[in-house]
Amino acid sequence: MARLPRLIIPGYPHHVIQRGNNRQAIFASDADRHALLALWAEYAEKFQVAVHAYVLMSNHFHLLVTPGTDSSLPQMMQAVGRRYVRHFNDAHGRSGTLWEGRYRSTLIEPDRYLLACMAYIDLNPVRAGLVAQARDYPWSSHGHNIGLQHDKLITPHPLFWVLGNTPFAREAAYAELVQGGLSAADQQALTDATLKGWALGSADFLADLQRRTERRATRLKAGRPFSVPREA
């Protein structure tokens, strides 16, 4: 069966995962991590991609972004991917591929999953046992979003601004949200949707989304042929 193209619709948040080939490490030094962050900043601006959250793990990374055009996200990922591999290979005397094939991504319903996805990303190091609290991990956007540091890469999503009327109120509310953890159901839903490439949201959201794209947004139910709903 032919592989479906990625589901990318500008103006919606997308959760992205990119892994190292055979789950190998994609960073060998802090200089590598700084290099990737600098490339994200360069190409996010160039290709109109708003970055809301990220985390750098040893053998993969997560991004939460809103692309400005249909081609913004793939253009950014392709440019960053190529340049980072070149940096990594040159810096460490190696050759060949670094990534495990294509990056994985899903489009999420903002009202239901935007903040949950941010928390999911920030809590990766905690789930991996690297730190006791998200605030203790230096290679994520969590520190920026709770006011511990400034990260020029981050563009707050409008729903983040709704958390409070002042920066302090927003940062405190978000810190409390992450401290409260993520439900197992939300964690599994975000993981499955991203790895499988299906949009994540309520039935009404998914039905409306399907009217905006010819690409299937959700997995077919057994025995039901696919058709694109017509505009009302």
C-alpha atoms as a PDB file:
ATOM      1  CA  MET A   1       0.000   0.000   0.000  1.00  0.00           C
ATOM      2  CA  ALA A   2       1.330   3.433  -0.934  1.00  0.00           C
ATOM      3  CA  ARG A   3       2.383   5.602   1.978  1.00  0.00           C
ATOM      4  CA  LEU A   4       0.041   8.506   2.651  1.00  0.00           C
ATOM      5  CA  PRO A   5       1.475  12.014   2.408  1.00  0.00           C
ATOM      6  CA  ARG A   6       1.799  13.858   5.677  1.00  0.00           C
ATOM      7  CA  LEU A   7      -1.247  15.722   6.904  1.00  0.00           C
ATOM      8  CA  ILE A   8      -0.157  19.359   7.095  1.00  0.00           C
ATOM      9  CA  ILE A   9      -2.622  22.243   7.235  1.00  0.00           C
ATOM     10  CA  PRO A  10      -1.336  25.761   7.944  1.00  0.00           C
ATOM     11  CA  GLY A  11      -2.632  27.506  11.032  1.00  0.00           C
ATOM     12  CA  TYR A  12      -3.016  24.319  13.092  1.00  0.00           C
ATOM     13  CA  PRO A  13      -0.533  23.030  15.671  1.00  0.00           C
ATOM     14  CA  HIS A  14       1.481  19.946  14.652  1.00  0.00           C
ATOM     15  CA  HIS A  15       3.383  17.602  16.949  1.00  0.00           C
ATOM     16  CA  VAL A  16       6.621  16.316  15.405  1.00  0.00           C
ATOM     17  CA  ILE A  17       8.950  13.475  16.428  1.00  0.00           C
ATOM     18  CA  GLN A  18      12.298  12.748  14.766  1.00  0.00           C
ATOM     19  CA  ARG A  19      14.397   9.765  15.876  1.00  0.00           C
ATOM     20  CA  GLY A  20      17.976   8.713  15.311  1.00  0.00           C
ATOM     21  CA  ASN A  21      18.624   5.797  12.973  1.00  0.00           C
ATOM     22  CA  ASN A  22      18.274   2.533  14.915  1.00  0.00           C
ATOM     23  CA  ARG A  23      17.578   4.793  17.920  1.00  0.00           C
ATOM     24  CA  GLN A  24      21.217   5.885  17.980  1.00  0.00           C
ATOM     25  CA  ALA A  25      22.245   9.087  19.735  1.00  0.00           C
ATOM     26  CA  ILE A  26      21.728  12.246  17.699  1.00  0.00           C
ATOM     27  CA  PHE A  27      23.822  14.397  20.043  1.00  0.00           C
ATOM     28  CA  ALA A  28      27.375  13.776  21.219  1.00  0.00           C
ATOM     29  CA  SER A  29      27.939  17.129  22.912  1.00  0.00           C
ATOM     30  CA  ASP A  30      26.219  20.285  24.090  1.00  0.00           C
ATOM     31  CA  ALA A  31      27.660  21.960  20.994  1.00  0.00           C
ATOM     32  CA  ASP A  32      25.507  19.608  18.902  1.00  0.00           C
ATOM     33  CA  ARG A  33      22.415  20.598  20.839  1.00  0.00           C
ATOM     34  CA  HIS A  34      23.173  24.291  20.413  1.00  0.00           C
ATOM     35  CA  ALA A  35      23.743  23.709  16.704  1.00  0.00           C
ATOM     36  CA  LEU A  36      20.328  22.114  16.235  1.00  0.00           C
ATOM     37  CA  LEU A  37      18.578  24.867  18.203  1.00  0.00           C
ATOM     38  CA  ALA A  38      20.311  27.518  16.087  1.00  0.00           C
ATOM     39  CA  LEU A  39      19.224  25.769  12.888  1.00  0.00           C
ATOM     40  CA  TRP A  40      15.632  25.579  14.108  1.00  0.00           C
ATOM     41  CA  ALA A  41      15.674  29.295  14.882  1.00  0.00           C
ATOM     42  CA  GLU A  42      17.100  30.127  11.451  1.00  0.00           C
ATOM     43  CA  TYR A  43      14.737  28.006   9.400  1.00  0.00           C
ATOM     44  CA  ALA A  44      11.620  28.502  11.511  1.00  0.00           C
ATOM     45  CA  GLU A  45      11.885  32.204  10.707  1.00  0.00           C
ATOM     46  CA  LYS A  46      12.752  31.598   7.060  1.00  0.00           C
ATOM     47  CA  PHE A  47       9.868  29.197   6.394  1.00  0.00           C
ATOM     48  CA  GLN A  48       7.220  30.782   8.664  1.00  0.00           C
ATOM     49  CA  VAL A  49       7.005  28.116  11.347  1.00  0.00           C
ATOM     50  CA  ALA A  50       5.998  29.143  14.881  1.00  0.00           C
ATOM     51  CA  VAL A  51       7.685  26.908  17.465  1.00  0.00           C
ATOM     52  CA  HIS A  52       5.679  26.567  20.693  1.00  0.00           C
ATOM     53  CA  ALA A  53       7.578  23.804  22.497  1.00  0.00           C
ATOM     54  CA  TYR A  54      10.479  21.390  22.062  1.00  0.00           C
ATOM     55  CA  VAL A  55      12.646  18.887  23.890  1.00  0.00           C
ATOM     56  CA  LEU A  56      15.993  17.370  22.909  1.00  0.00           C
ATOM     57  CA  MET A  57      16.408  13.806  24.130  1.00  0.00           C
ATOM     58  CA  SER A  58      19.472  11.623  23.584  1.00  0.00           C
ATOM     59  CA  ASN A  59      18.201   9.832  20.463  1.00  0.00           C
ATOM     60  CA  HIS A  60      15.183  11.865  19.367  1.00  0.00           C
ATOM     61  CA  PHE A  61      13.467  15.211  19.637  1.00  0.00           C
ATOM     62  CA  HIS A  62       9.936  16.582  19.837  1.00  0.00           C
ATOM     63  CA  LEU A  63       8.563  19.816  18.399  1.00  0.00           C
ATOM     64  CA  LEU A  64       5.184  21.505  18.687  1.00  0.00           C
ATOM     65  CA  VAL A  65       4.800  23.953  15.820  1.00  0.00           C
ATOM     66  CA  THR A  66       2.274  25.866  13.755  1.00  0.00           C
ATOM     67  CA  PRO A  67       3.246  26.124  10.066  1.00  0.00           C
ATOM     68  CA  GLY A  68       2.307  29.265   8.162  1.00  0.00           C
ATOM     69  CA  THR A  69       1.922  27.557   4.774  1.00  0.00           C
ATOM     70  CA  ASP A  70       1.387  24.082   3.338  1.00  0.00           C
ATOM     71  CA  SER A  71       5.102  23.718   2.694  1.00  0.00           C
ATOM     72  CA  SER A  72       6.511  25.473   5.784  1.00  0.00           C
ATOM     73  CA  LEU A  73       6.994  22.421   7.994  1.00  0.00           C
ATOM     74  CA  PRO A  74       8.495  20.021   5.425  1.00  0.00           C
ATOM     75  CA  GLN A  75      10.796  22.767   4.124  1.00  0.00           C
ATOM     76  CA  MET A  76      12.048  23.536   7.625  1.00  0.00           C
ATOM     77  CA  MET A  77      12.509  19.889   8.570  1.00  0.00           C
ATOM     78  CA  GLN A  78      14.337  19.069   5.336  1.00  0.00           C
ATOM     79  CA  ALA A  79      16.689  22.056   5.575  1.00  0.00           C
ATOM     80  CA  VAL A  80      17.450  21.537   9.261  1.00  0.00           C
ATOM     81  CA  GLY A  81      17.816  17.778   8.843  1.00  0.00           C
ATOM     82  CA  ARG A  82      20.370  18.060   6.064  1.00  0.00           C
ATOM     83  CA  ARG A  83      22.439  20.776   7.671  1.00  0.00           C
ATOM     84  CA  TYR A  84      22.447  19.142  11.090  1.00  0.00           C
ATOM     85  CA  VAL A  85      23.612  15.794   9.691  1.00  0.00           C
ATOM     86  CA  ARG A  86      26.405  17.619   7.896  1.00  0.00           C
ATOM     87  CA  HIS A  87      27.370  19.360  11.156  1.00  0.00           C
ATOM     88  CA  PHE A  88      27.216  16.138  13.166  1.00  0.00           C
ATOM     89  CA  ASN A  89      29.235  14.101  10.681  1.00  0.00           C
ATOM     90  CA  ASP A  90      31.892  16.787  10.304  1.00  0.00           C
ATOM     91  CA  ALA A  91      32.148  17.329  14.053  1.00  0.00           C
ATOM     92  CA  HIS A  92      32.493  13.650  14.914  1.00  0.00           C
ATOM     93  CA  GLY A  93      34.354  12.195  11.962  1.00  0.00           C
ATOM     94  CA  ARG A  94      31.553  10.028  10.678  1.00  0.00           C
ATOM     95  CA  SER A  95      29.536   9.630   7.497  1.00  0.00           C
ATOM     96  CA  GLY A  96      26.143   8.364   6.445  1.00  0.00           C
ATOM     97  CA  THR A  97      22.630   8.834   7.696  1.00  0.00           C
ATOM     98  CA  LEU A  98      21.642   9.985  11.167  1.00  0.00           C
ATOM     99  CA  TRP A  99      17.848   9.995  11.049  1.00  0.00           C
ATOM    100  CA  GLU A 100      15.439   7.070  11.170  1.00  0.00           C
ATOM    101  CA  GLY A 101      13.685   7.789   7.868  1.00  0.00           C
ATOM    102  CA  ARG A 102      10.991  10.442   7.747  1.00  0.00           C
ATOM    103  CA  TYR A 103      10.009  12.498  10.730  1.00  0.00           C
ATOM    104  CA  ARG A 104       6.623  11.631  12.250  1.00  0.00           C
ATOM    105  CA  SER A 105       3.934  14.244  12.745  1.00  0.00           C
ATOM    106  CA  THR A 106       0.291  14.765  13.583  1.00  0.00           C
ATOM    107  CA  LEU A 107      -2.114  17.686  13.534  1.00  0.00           C
ATOM    108  CA  ILE A 108      -3.882  18.303  16.850  1.00  0.00           C
ATOM    109  CA  GLU A 109      -7.026  20.091  17.965  1.00  0.00           C
ATOM    110  CA  PRO A 110      -5.766  23.215  19.761  1.00  0.00           C
ATOM    111  CA  ASP A 111      -8.504  23.623  22.376  1.00  0.00           C
ATOM    112  CA  ARG A 112      -8.278  19.994  23.462  1.00  0.00           C
ATOM    113  CA  TYR A 113      -4.638  19.038  23.000  1.00  0.00           C
ATOM    114  CA  LEU A 114      -2.375  22.099  22.639  1.00  0.00           C
ATOM    115  CA  LEU A 115      -1.466  22.462  26.323  1.00  0.00           C
ATOM    116  CA  ALA A 116      -1.536  18.704  26.849  1.00  0.00           C
ATOM    117  CA  CYS A 117       0.982  18.300  24.029  1.00  0.00           C
ATOM    118  CA  MET A 118       3.234  20.969  25.531  1.00  0.00           C
ATOM    119  CA  ALA A 119       3.160  19.121  28.848  1.00  0.00           C
ATOM    120  CA  TYR A 120       3.752  15.803  27.062  1.00  0.00           C
ATOM    121  CA  ILE A 121       6.882  17.267  25.477  1.00  0.00           C
ATOM    122  CA  ASP A 122       8.148  18.863  28.691  1.00  0.00           C
ATOM    123  CA  LEU A 123       7.638  15.674  30.696  1.00  0.00           C
ATOM    124  CA  ASN A 124       9.688  13.468  28.355  1.00  0.00           C
ATOM    125  CA  PRO A 125      12.856  13.784  30.470  1.00  0.00           C
ATOM    126  CA  VAL A 126      10.860  13.010  33.625  1.00  0.00           C
ATOM    127  CA  ARG A 127       9.326   9.884  32.084  1.00  0.00           C
ATOM    128  CA  ALA A 128      12.808   8.826  30.955  1.00  0.00           C
ATOM    129  CA  GLY A 129      14.132   9.169  34.497  1.00  0.00           C
ATOM    130  CA  LEU A 130      16.649  11.892  33.586  1.00  0.00           C
ATOM    131  CA  VAL A 131      15.288  14.466  36.030  1.00  0.00           C
ATOM    132  CA  ALA A 132      12.774  14.576  38.856  1.00  0.00           C
ATOM    133  CA  GLN A 133      10.988  17.655  37.513  1.00  0.00           C
ATOM    134  CA  ALA A 134      10.637  19.164  34.055  1.00  0.00           C
ATOM    135  CA  ARG A 135      12.166  22.439  35.271  1.00  0.00           C
ATOM    136  CA  ASP A 136      15.455  20.622  35.984  1.00  0.00           C
ATOM    137  CA  TYR A 137      16.042  19.636  32.338  1.00  0.00           C
ATOM    138  CA  PRO A 138      18.064  22.238  30.392  1.00  0.00           C
ATOM    139  CA  TRP A 139      17.307  21.098  26.829  1.00  0.00           C
ATOM    140  CA  SER A 140      13.630  21.918  26.467  1.00  0.00           C
ATOM    141  CA  SER A 141      11.384  24.950  26.149  1.00  0.00           C
ATOM    142  CA  HIS A 142       9.949  24.363  29.623  1.00  0.00           C
ATOM    143  CA  GLY A 143      12.289  26.853  31.263  1.00  0.00           C
ATOM    144  CA  HIS A 144      11.138  29.573  28.885  1.00  0.00           C
ATOM    145  CA  ASN A 145       7.453  28.785  29.332  1.00  0.00           C
ATOM    146  CA  ILE A 146       7.682  28.996  33.134  1.00  0.00           C
ATOM    147  CA  GLY A 147       9.809  32.158  33.137  1.00  0.00           C
ATOM    148  CA  LEU A 148      13.199  30.739  34.149  1.00  0.00           C
ATOM    149  CA  GLN A 149      14.952  31.836  30.954  1.00  0.00           C
ATOM    150  CA  HIS A 150      14.339  33.518  27.615  1.00  0.00           C
ATOM    151  CA  ASP A 151      14.362  31.401  24.465  1.00  0.00           C
ATOM    152  CA  LYS A 152      14.181  33.349  21.205  1.00  0.00           C
ATOM    153  CA  LEU A 153      13.073  30.207  19.371  1.00  0.00           C
ATOM    154  CA  ILE A 154       9.699  30.100  21.144  1.00  0.00           C
ATOM    155  CA  THR A 155       6.542  31.789  19.862  1.00  0.00           C
ATOM    156  CA  PRO A 156       3.700  31.404  22.390  1.00  0.00           C
ATOM    157  CA  HIS A 157       0.490  29.956  20.982  1.00  0.00           C
ATOM    158  CA  PRO A 158      -2.598  32.139  21.563  1.00  0.00           C
ATOM    159  CA  LEU A 159      -3.974  29.493  23.942  1.00  0.00           C
ATOM    160  CA  PHE A 160      -0.901  29.912  26.142  1.00  0.00           C
ATOM    161  CA  TRP A 161      -1.776  33.591  26.563  1.00  0.00           C
ATOM    162  CA  VAL A 162      -5.203  32.597  27.835  1.00  0.00           C
ATOM    163  CA  LEU A 163      -3.584  31.028  30.915  1.00  0.00           C
ATOM    164  CA  GLY A 164      -3.225  34.427  32.598  1.00  0.00           C
ATOM    165  CA  ASN A 165      -3.368  38.192  32.221  1.00  0.00           C
ATOM    166  CA  THR A 166       0.312  38.727  33.017  1.00  0.00           C
ATOM    167  CA  PRO A 167       3.498  36.852  32.117  1.00  0.00           C
ATOM    168  CA  PHE A 168       3.893  35.757  35.743  1.00  0.00           C
ATOM    169  CA  ALA A 169       0.319  34.448  35.887  1.00  0.00           C
ATOM    170  CA  ARG A 170       0.739  32.516  32.624  1.00  0.00           C
ATOM    171  CA  GLU A 171       4.058  31.043  33.688  1.00  0.00           C
ATOM    172  CA  ALA A 172       2.736  30.010  37.085  1.00  0.00           C
ATOM    173  CA  ALA A 173      -0.398  28.452  35.582  1.00  0.00           C
ATOM    174  CA  TYR A 174       1.629  26.508  33.047  1.00  0.00           C
ATOM    175  CA  ALA A 175       4.121  25.327  35.662  1.00  0.00           C
ATOM    176  CA  GLU A 176       1.208  24.040  37.756  1.00  0.00           C
ATOM    177  CA  LEU A 177      -0.307  22.312  34.725  1.00  0.00           C
ATOM    178  CA  VAL A 178       2.932  20.438  33.986  1.00  0.00           C
ATOM    179  CA  GLN A 179       3.510  19.661  37.652  1.00  0.00           C
ATOM    180  CA  GLY A 180       0.073  18.045  37.713  1.00  0.00           C
ATOM    181  CA  GLY A 181       1.185  15.592  35.052  1.00  0.00           C
ATOM    182  CA  LEU A 182      -0.525  14.153  32.011  1.00  0.00           C
ATOM    183  CA  SER A 183      -3.232  11.507  31.989  1.00  0.00           C
ATOM    184  CA  ALA A 184      -2.275   8.104  30.629  1.00  0.00           C
ATOM    185  CA  ALA A 185      -5.048   8.444  28.035  1.00  0.00           C
ATOM    186  CA  ASP A 186      -3.718  11.762  26.702  1.00  0.00           C
ATOM    187  CA  GLN A 187      -0.156  10.460  26.682  1.00  0.00           C
ATOM    188  CA  GLN A 188      -1.144   7.388  24.678  1.00  0.00           C
ATOM    189  CA  ALA A 189      -3.349   9.378  22.311  1.00  0.00           C
ATOM    190  CA  LEU A 190      -0.566  11.857  21.520  1.00  0.00           C
ATOM    191  CA  THR A 191       1.990   9.106  21.019  1.00  0.00           C
ATOM    192  CA  ASP A 192      -0.221   6.975  18.775  1.00  0.00           C
ATOM    193  CA  ALA A 193      -1.489   9.857  16.648  1.00  0.00           C
ATOM    194  CA  THR A 194       1.998  11.209  16.007  1.00  0.00           C
ATOM    195  CA  LEU A 195       3.622   7.890  15.161  1.00  0.00           C
ATOM    196  CA  LYS A 196       0.741   6.873  12.887  1.00  0.00           C
ATOM    197  CA  GLY A 197       0.135  10.272  11.267  1.00  0.00           C
ATOM    198  CA  TRP A 198      -3.576  10.615  12.046  1.00  0.00           C
ATOM    199  CA  ALA A 199      -5.093  13.883  13.265  1.00  0.00           C
ATOM    200  CA  LEU A 200      -6.035  14.065  16.924  1.00  0.00           C
ATOM    201  CA  GLY A 201      -9.170  15.745  18.219  1.00  0.00           C
ATOM    202  CA  SER A 202     -12.891  15.508  18.840  1.00  0.00           C
ATOM    203  CA  ALA A 203     -15.275  14.013  16.293  1.00  0.00           C
ATOM    204  CA  ASP A 204     -16.545  17.470  15.288  1.00  0.00           C
ATOM    205  CA  PHE A 205     -13.016  18.798  14.881  1.00  0.00           C
ATOM    206  CA  LEU A 206     -11.965  15.832  12.749  1.00  0.00           C
ATOM    207  CA  ALA A 207     -15.067  16.108  10.559  1.00  0.00           C
ATOM    208  CA  ASP A 208     -14.398  19.813   9.972  1.00  0.00           C
ATOM    209  CA  LEU A 209     -10.734  19.111   9.314  1.00  0.00           C
ATOM    210  CA  GLN A 210     -11.556  16.485   6.711  1.00  0.00           C
ATOM    211  CA  ARG A 211     -13.456  19.097   4.707  1.00  0.00           C
ATOM    212  CA  ARG A 212     -10.228  21.074   4.421  1.00  0.00           C
ATOM    213  CA  THR A 213      -8.058  18.330   2.954  1.00  0.00           C
ATOM    214  CA  GLU A 214      -8.241  15.528   0.415  1.00  0.00           C
ATOM    215  CA  ARG A 215      -5.845  13.453   2.494  1.00  0.00           C
ATOM    216  CA  ARG A 216      -7.489  11.130   5.011  1.00  0.00           C
ATOM    217  CA  ALA A 217      -7.314  12.724   8.447  1.00  0.00           C
ATOM    218  CA  THR A 218      -8.219   9.613  10.460  1.00  0.00           C
ATOM    219  CA  ARG A 219      -7.918   5.866  10.118  1.00  0.00           C
ATOM    220  CA  LEU A 220     -10.715   4.200   8.155  1.00  0.00           C
ATOM    221  CA  LYS A 221     -13.166   2.052  10.022  1.00  0.00           C
ATOM    222  CA  ALA A 222     -13.254  -1.519   8.759  1.00  0.00           C
ATOM    223  CA  GLY A 223     -15.542  -1.995   5.773  1.00  0.00           C
ATOM    224  CA  ARG A 224     -16.143   1.678   5.093  1.00  0.00           C
ATOM    225  CA  PRO A 225     -14.836   3.277   1.873  1.00  0.00           C
ATOM    226  CA  PHE A 226     -13.223   6.682   2.129  1.00  0.00           C
ATOM    227  CA  SER A 227     -14.677   9.776   0.539  1.00  0.00           C
ATOM    228  CA  VAL A 228     -13.981  13.446   1.113  1.00  0.00           C
ATOM    229  CA  PRO A 229     -17.029  15.189   2.610  1.00  0.00           C
ATOM    230  CA  ARG A 230     -18.386  18.000   0.441  1.00  0.00           C
ATOM    231  CA  GLU A 231     -18.593  21.532   1.689  1.00  0.00           C
ATOM    232  CA  ALA A 232     -22.007  22.425   3.037  1.00  0.00           C
END
